[in-house]
Amino acid sequence: MKIAIITDQHFGCRGDSDLVAKHHKKFYENVFFPTLEKRGITRILDLGDTFHRRKFINYNMLKFWKDSYFDAIRDRDMELHMIVGNHTVYYNNTNEVNSVSLLLREYENISIYEEEPVELQFERGSKILMVPWLNRENMEKSLKIMNETKAPVCMGHFNIVGMPMMPGRICDRGLDQSVFDKFSVVYSGHFHHPSEYNQIKYLGAPYEMDWGDCGGKRGFHIFDTETFELEFIDNPHKVFYNVNYDGSDLTIESLDTLDLDVLEDTYVKILVKDKGDPYVFDQFIDKLTNARIADVKIIEESPMAGLQEEDIVSEAEDTLTIIHKSVDGLKTNVSKPNVKTLLTDLYNEAINL
């Protein structure tokens, strides 16, 4: 039997931007639901962080996603099995108060696993252990269930030491990888960039949500419960673009051949290597403006002279990455992971005020 797996949707991210939500909706309308209907797949496993904000919800955005996603699943007679993630729980030490169980009560086709691991057994295939977000309250019991289960497949929303959180950052706190040695395959949400080591695989977010996601692989997966085959379904809809500008060979005539339709309503950073003719450059910027781009940032080469392209892109990192790198550079006896967690929570609260 084949089932769909999706994780880290973060409905309501980017300050409840209608524009970003419409981009994300394209993924469901053009990729996700058409693929499930074509394959005859009627079960979806959600590995956490369905909603973005831990403590409140924008009602307009809630209606948008109920209409676009949850109603669409129900109307197609599909089942949705969900675990809570760290972004969907109100408290840090318990999963008792969480957004998915409070906001989705009217959907009889949705099963939510909140407190402890649950074994799922479908008509065909092996058992799957679904593990909600681990905290002080459920950690001991959850680890006991994980140790005793006969299910060969484990899916959850984990912090696993040694796994990449994002490019250049490795998780340094959480569960040791040996906890999962008994499982044939382990699939997790939580980190938005896909990665894998041995049988452990972080599936990644289905779409781009900030500049830190730019250029990464995004989509969802189809899992065969009998063969354990995992198929990746790509999401071609991008939200953030890095555009290299080299004006050394550009002319007014060559600008006429540029097709910028794909950039409409997206966020763009222009990485200027060589501005060349200033008039041509101004015409290029005017052409971008006429393409109805949501936001354009121009990064001149001069402040970073001598850097390679990847270094220039690095200078354009998202705010949260910059904060974490600043903490890494501090000389202090205070726990840096704890400082990063605190600053991350403060940052997320601040952008959502």
Protein backbone atom coordinates (compact mmCIF):
# COMPACT_ATOMS: atom_id res chain seq x y z
CA MET A 1 0.00 0.00 0.00
CA LYS A 2 1.22 3.48 -0.85
CA ILE A 3 0.67 6.47 1.41
CA ALA A 4 1.67 10.13 1.18
CA ILE A 5 4.00 11.73 3.73
CA ILE A 6 4.21 15.47 4.26
CA THR A 7 5.73 17.55 7.04
CA ASP A 8 6.54 21.09 8.20
CA GLN A 9 3.81 22.86 6.25
CA HIS A 10 3.80 25.80 8.69
CA PHE A 11 0.45 27.24 7.66
CA GLY A 12 0.49 30.92 8.60
CA CYS A 13 4.24 31.44 8.16
CA ARG A 14 5.84 34.68 6.91
CA GLY A 15 3.57 36.84 9.05
CA ASP A 16 0.40 35.44 7.45
CA SER A 17 1.41 36.78 4.05
CA ASP A 18 -1.45 36.21 1.61
CA LEU A 19 1.06 36.23 -1.22
CA VAL A 20 3.19 33.43 0.24
CA ALA A 21 0.07 31.43 1.10
CA LYS A 22 -1.10 31.69 -2.52
CA HIS A 23 2.30 30.39 -3.70
CA HIS A 24 2.03 27.46 -1.32
CA LYS A 25 -1.53 26.78 -2.45
CA LYS A 26 -0.19 26.25 -5.99
CA PHE A 27 1.76 23.27 -4.69
CA TYR A 28 -1.39 21.60 -3.38
CA GLU A 29 -3.52 22.43 -6.41
CA ASN A 30 -0.93 21.62 -9.08
CA VAL A 31 1.24 18.91 -7.49
CA PHE A 32 0.03 17.36 -4.24
CA PHE A 33 -3.65 16.56 -4.86
CA PRO A 34 -3.28 15.73 -8.58
CA THR A 35 -0.51 13.23 -7.73
CA LEU A 36 -2.58 11.53 -5.01
CA GLU A 37 -5.64 11.33 -7.25
CA LYS A 38 -3.61 9.92 -10.16
CA ARG A 39 -2.00 7.28 -7.92
CA GLY A 40 -5.21 6.42 -6.07
CA ILE A 41 -3.64 7.34 -2.69
CA THR A 42 -6.18 8.02 0.05
CA ARG A 43 -4.01 8.20 3.20
CA ILE A 44 -1.71 11.05 4.25
CA LEU A 45 0.72 11.05 7.15
CA ASP A 46 1.62 14.48 8.57
CA LEU A 47 4.86 14.52 10.58
CA GLY A 48 4.28 17.73 12.48
CA ASP A 49 4.41 21.54 12.44
CA THR A 50 1.25 21.82 10.38
CA PHE A 51 0.68 25.34 11.74
CA HIS A 52 3.44 27.87 12.26
CA ARG A 53 2.57 29.84 15.38
CA ARG A 54 2.68 28.18 18.75
CA LYS A 55 0.36 30.54 20.63
CA PHE A 56 -2.23 32.05 18.30
CA ILE A 57 -3.74 31.91 14.81
CA ASN A 58 -4.83 34.42 12.18
CA TYR A 59 -8.50 33.59 11.53
CA ASN A 60 -8.34 34.62 7.88
CA MET A 61 -5.35 32.35 7.31
CA LEU A 62 -7.07 29.50 9.17
CA LYS A 63 -10.08 29.80 6.87
CA PHE A 64 -7.78 29.94 3.84
CA TRP A 65 -6.09 26.66 4.72
CA LYS A 66 -9.27 24.93 5.83
CA ASP A 67 -10.79 25.76 2.45
CA SER A 68 -7.64 24.96 0.46
CA TYR A 69 -6.28 21.92 2.29
CA PHE A 70 -8.29 20.31 5.06
CA ASP A 71 -11.65 20.58 3.27
CA ALA A 72 -9.97 19.38 0.07
CA ILE A 73 -8.75 16.23 1.85
CA ARG A 74 -12.17 15.55 3.37
CA ASP A 75 -14.00 16.16 0.10
CA ARG A 76 -11.74 13.60 -1.62
CA ASP A 77 -12.58 10.97 1.04
CA MET A 78 -8.95 10.85 2.20
CA GLU A 79 -7.63 10.08 5.69
CA LEU A 80 -5.15 12.41 7.41
CA HIS A 81 -3.03 11.05 10.28
CA MET A 82 -1.17 13.78 12.18
CA ILE A 83 1.35 14.11 14.98
CA VAL A 84 2.03 17.36 16.82
CA GLY A 85 5.36 19.11 16.31
CA ASN A 86 7.13 21.77 18.36
CA HIS A 87 5.41 24.60 16.43
CA THR A 88 1.94 23.24 17.16
CA VAL A 89 2.28 22.93 20.95
CA TYR A 90 1.64 25.86 23.29
CA TYR A 91 3.90 24.77 26.17
CA ASN A 92 7.47 23.52 26.04
CA ASN A 93 6.97 20.72 28.56
CA THR A 94 3.70 19.13 27.40
CA ASN A 95 1.73 18.46 24.20
CA GLU A 96 -1.61 18.74 25.96
CA VAL A 97 -2.48 22.14 24.47
CA ASN A 98 -1.87 22.08 20.72
CA SER A 99 -3.27 23.85 17.68
CA VAL A 100 -4.14 20.82 15.53
CA SER A 101 -6.43 19.18 18.08
CA LEU A 102 -8.11 22.49 18.93
CA LEU A 103 -8.57 23.81 15.40
CA LEU A 104 -9.46 20.66 13.47
CA ARG A 105 -12.08 19.00 15.67
CA GLU A 106 -14.83 19.09 13.04
CA TYR A 107 -12.95 16.77 10.66
CA GLU A 108 -13.93 13.13 11.22
CA ASN A 109 -11.36 11.98 8.66
CA ILE A 110 -8.45 13.39 10.70
CA SER A 111 -6.67 11.37 13.42
CA ILE A 112 -4.32 13.33 15.70
CA TYR A 113 -1.65 11.70 17.87
CA GLU A 114 -0.71 14.09 20.66
CA GLU A 115 0.82 12.56 23.74
CA GLU A 116 2.58 9.26 23.08
CA PRO A 117 3.68 7.04 20.16
CA VAL A 118 0.96 5.12 18.33
CA GLU A 119 1.28 2.10 16.04
CA LEU A 120 -0.55 2.35 12.71
CA GLN A 121 -1.41 -0.79 10.75
CA PHE A 122 -3.07 -0.42 7.37
CA GLU A 123 -4.58 -3.19 5.23
CA ARG A 124 -1.24 -4.10 3.66
CA GLY A 125 2.30 -3.54 4.79
CA SER A 126 4.27 -3.20 8.00
CA LYS A 127 3.37 -1.37 11.17
CA ILE A 128 4.37 2.28 11.45
CA LEU A 129 5.17 3.89 14.81
CA MET A 130 4.07 7.54 14.84
CA VAL A 131 5.93 9.56 17.51
CA PRO A 132 4.66 13.04 18.54
CA TRP A 133 7.00 15.82 19.67
CA LEU A 134 9.04 14.68 22.68
CA ASN A 135 9.17 16.76 25.87
CA ARG A 136 9.77 16.33 29.58
CA GLU A 137 6.27 14.98 30.17
CA ASN A 138 6.18 12.24 27.53
CA MET A 139 9.88 11.48 26.98
CA GLU A 140 10.28 8.49 29.31
CA LYS A 141 7.10 6.72 28.22
CA SER A 142 7.72 7.46 24.55
CA LEU A 143 11.26 6.04 24.63
CA LYS A 144 9.92 2.93 26.36
CA ILE A 145 7.32 2.42 23.63
CA MET A 146 9.94 3.01 20.93
CA ASN A 147 12.18 0.42 22.55
CA GLU A 148 9.45 -2.21 22.87
CA THR A 149 7.59 -1.80 19.57
CA LYS A 150 7.88 -4.41 16.83
CA ALA A 151 7.15 -1.83 14.14
CA PRO A 152 10.05 -1.64 11.66
CA VAL A 153 9.12 1.90 10.57
CA CYS A 154 9.35 4.95 12.83
CA MET A 155 8.03 8.38 11.89
CA GLY A 156 8.17 11.46 14.10
CA HIS A 157 9.27 15.02 14.71
CA PHE A 158 12.72 14.61 16.23
CA ASN A 159 15.85 16.42 17.32
CA ILE A 160 18.54 13.87 16.42
CA VAL A 161 22.15 14.65 17.32
CA GLY A 162 24.51 14.78 14.35
CA MET A 163 21.84 15.46 11.71
CA PRO A 164 21.98 18.67 9.61
CA MET A 165 19.49 21.31 10.74
CA MET A 166 20.32 23.53 7.75
CA PRO A 167 23.39 23.97 5.54
CA GLY A 168 26.38 24.45 7.81
CA ARG A 169 24.55 23.69 11.08
CA ILE A 170 24.49 20.29 12.79
CA CYS A 171 22.06 19.37 15.56
CA ASP A 172 24.02 19.13 18.81
CA ARG A 173 21.26 18.24 21.28
CA GLY A 174 18.40 15.77 21.39
CA LEU A 175 18.21 12.01 20.80
CA ASP A 176 21.27 9.94 20.03
CA GLN A 177 21.12 8.17 16.68
CA SER A 178 21.50 4.82 18.46
CA VAL A 179 17.92 5.20 19.77
CA PHE A 180 16.77 4.35 16.24
CA ASP A 181 19.09 1.42 15.52
CA LYS A 182 16.27 -1.12 15.82
CA PHE A 183 14.17 0.46 13.05
CA SER A 184 14.56 -0.38 9.38
CA VAL A 185 13.65 3.16 8.33
CA VAL A 186 13.14 6.40 10.25
CA TYR A 187 11.44 9.44 8.71
CA SER A 188 11.28 12.75 10.53
CA GLY A 189 9.98 16.26 10.21
CA HIS A 190 11.38 19.30 12.08
CA PHE A 191 14.41 20.27 9.95
CA HIS A 192 13.29 21.91 6.71
CA HIS A 193 16.26 20.83 4.61
CA PRO A 194 16.17 17.15 3.55
CA SER A 195 19.06 14.99 4.71
CA GLU A 196 19.80 11.38 5.56
CA TYR A 197 22.30 9.22 7.40
CA ASN A 198 22.01 5.44 7.37
CA GLN A 199 18.32 4.61 7.86
CA ILE A 200 17.41 8.06 9.25
CA LYS A 201 15.96 10.56 6.81
CA TYR A 202 14.69 14.09 7.34
CA LEU A 203 12.09 14.61 4.63
CA GLY A 204 12.19 18.41 4.49
CA ALA A 205 9.48 21.03 4.03
CA PRO A 206 7.17 20.95 0.98
CA TYR A 207 7.97 24.51 -0.14
CA GLU A 208 10.16 27.55 0.48
CA MET A 209 9.24 29.72 3.47
CA ASP A 210 12.20 32.07 3.85
CA TRP A 211 15.53 32.96 2.24
CA GLY A 212 17.22 30.10 4.06
CA ASP A 213 15.15 27.72 1.91
CA CYS A 214 16.18 29.29 -1.40
CA GLY A 215 17.60 26.78 -3.84
CA GLY A 216 16.82 23.71 -1.75
CA LYS A 217 14.89 20.61 -2.82
CA ARG A 218 11.22 20.84 -1.82
CA GLY A 219 8.22 18.54 -2.20
CA PHE A 220 6.58 15.53 -0.54
CA HIS A 221 7.02 11.75 -0.50
CA ILE A 222 5.10 8.59 -1.33
CA PHE A 223 5.91 5.58 0.86
CA ASP A 224 5.23 1.94 0.05
CA THR A 225 4.37 0.17 3.32
CA GLU A 226 5.26 -3.23 1.84
CA THR A 227 8.55 -2.59 0.01
CA PHE A 228 9.66 0.49 2.05
CA GLU A 229 10.31 2.28 -1.22
CA LEU A 230 10.26 6.07 -0.75
CA GLU A 231 9.51 8.22 -3.79
CA PHE A 232 10.15 11.97 -3.81
CA ILE A 233 7.65 14.22 -5.63
CA ASP A 234 9.23 17.55 -6.54
CA ASN A 235 7.55 20.92 -6.00
CA PRO A 236 8.56 23.19 -8.92
CA HIS A 237 6.92 26.31 -7.47
CA LYS A 238 9.62 28.59 -6.07
CA VAL A 239 9.03 31.66 -3.90
CA PHE A 240 12.60 33.01 -3.51
CA TYR A 241 15.13 33.59 -6.29
CA ASN A 242 18.79 34.58 -6.38
CA VAL A 243 19.49 36.19 -9.76
CA ASN A 244 23.09 36.73 -10.89
CA TYR A 245 23.57 39.95 -12.85
CA ASP A 246 26.64 40.30 -15.06
CA GLY A 247 26.33 43.44 -17.17
CA SER A 248 29.65 43.08 -18.97
CA ASP A 249 27.97 41.64 -22.08
CA LEU A 250 24.40 42.90 -21.69
CA THR A 251 22.81 45.36 -24.11
CA ILE A 252 19.40 46.99 -24.34
CA GLU A 253 18.54 44.56 -27.12
CA SER A 254 19.46 41.52 -25.03
CA LEU A 255 17.15 42.68 -22.24
CA ASP A 256 14.20 42.28 -24.62
CA THR A 257 14.82 38.53 -24.73
CA LEU A 258 14.56 38.07 -20.97
CA ASP A 259 11.47 36.16 -19.83
CA LEU A 260 10.66 37.25 -16.28
CA ASP A 261 7.13 35.85 -16.02
CA VAL A 262 8.29 33.14 -13.61
CA LEU A 263 9.35 35.84 -11.13
CA GLU A 264 5.91 37.42 -10.81
CA ASP A 265 4.87 37.74 -7.13
CA THR A 266 8.15 36.21 -5.93
CA TYR A 267 10.99 37.55 -3.76
CA VAL A 268 14.19 38.26 -5.65
CA LYS A 269 17.79 39.13 -4.74
CA ILE A 270 19.93 40.53 -7.53
CA LEU A 271 23.57 39.52 -7.00
CA VAL A 272 25.51 42.08 -9.02
CA LYS A 273 28.87 40.78 -10.24
CA ASP A 274 29.50 43.51 -12.79
CA LYS A 275 27.03 46.36 -13.22
CA GLY A 276 28.44 47.23 -16.64
CA ASP A 277 26.56 50.00 -18.44
CA PRO A 278 24.56 51.88 -15.74
CA TYR A 279 21.78 52.67 -18.21
CA VAL A 280 21.35 49.00 -19.14
CA PHE A 281 21.30 48.12 -15.44
CA ASP A 282 18.58 50.72 -14.76
CA GLN A 283 16.53 49.31 -17.64
CA PHE A 284 16.97 45.82 -16.19
CA ILE A 285 15.64 46.98 -12.82
CA ASP A 286 12.71 48.68 -14.56
CA LYS A 287 11.96 45.42 -16.36
CA LEU A 288 11.91 43.60 -13.01
CA THR A 289 9.56 46.21 -11.59
CA ASN A 290 7.21 45.78 -14.52
CA ALA A 291 7.26 42.02 -13.93
CA ARG A 292 5.30 42.66 -10.71
CA ILE A 293 7.86 41.08 -8.42
CA ALA A 294 6.82 41.15 -4.76
CA ASP A 295 10.17 42.39 -3.47
CA VAL A 296 13.59 43.04 -5.02
CA LYS A 297 16.85 43.41 -3.09
CA ILE A 298 20.04 44.46 -4.89
CA ILE A 299 23.35 43.19 -3.51
CA GLU A 300 26.34 45.00 -4.98
CA GLU A 301 29.60 43.15 -5.39
CA SER A 302 31.79 45.97 -4.08
CA PRO A 303 31.28 45.37 -0.33
CA MET A 304 32.30 41.76 -0.92
CA ALA A 305 34.99 42.19 -3.55
CA GLY A 306 37.00 39.05 -4.16
CA LEU A 307 34.38 36.68 -2.78
CA GLN A 308 33.14 33.71 -4.75
CA GLU A 309 29.50 33.37 -5.74
CA GLU A 310 28.69 31.06 -2.85
CA ASP A 311 30.17 33.61 -0.45
CA ILE A 312 27.97 36.35 -1.89
CA VAL A 313 24.89 34.19 -1.49
CA SER A 314 25.98 33.55 2.08
CA GLU A 315 25.94 37.29 2.73
CA ALA A 316 22.25 37.23 1.84
CA GLU A 317 21.30 34.71 4.53
CA ASP A 318 18.07 34.92 6.46
CA THR A 319 17.97 36.70 9.79
CA LEU A 320 17.69 33.54 11.89
CA THR A 321 20.84 32.04 10.36
CA ILE A 322 22.75 35.24 11.09
CA ILE A 323 21.55 35.17 14.71
CA HIS A 324 22.67 31.57 15.15
CA LYS A 325 26.07 32.24 13.62
CA SER A 326 26.52 35.23 15.94
CA VAL A 327 25.83 33.01 18.95
CA ASP A 328 28.35 30.45 17.64
CA GLY A 329 30.98 33.20 17.60
CA LEU A 330 30.44 34.24 21.20
CA LYS A 331 32.99 33.43 23.89
CA THR A 332 30.79 32.37 26.80
CA ASN A 333 30.24 29.57 29.28
CA VAL A 334 26.49 29.78 28.78
CA SER A 335 24.93 26.92 26.79
CA LYS A 336 24.88 28.12 23.19
CA PRO A 337 22.09 25.71 22.12
CA ASN A 338 19.89 27.12 24.88
CA VAL A 339 20.69 30.69 23.80
CA LYS A 340 19.84 29.81 20.18
CA THR A 341 16.54 28.26 21.24
CA LEU A 342 15.62 31.35 23.28
CA LEU A 343 16.56 33.76 20.49
CA THR A 344 14.73 31.65 17.90
CA ASP A 345 11.55 31.73 20.00
CA LEU A 346 11.90 35.50 20.47
CA TYR A 347 12.49 36.03 16.76
CA ASN A 348 9.47 33.94 15.77
CA GLU A 349 7.29 35.81 18.28
CA ALA A 350 8.59 39.19 17.01
CA ILE A 351 7.90 38.60 13.30
CA ASN A 352 4.41 37.37 14.08
CA LEU A 353 3.30 40.31 16.24
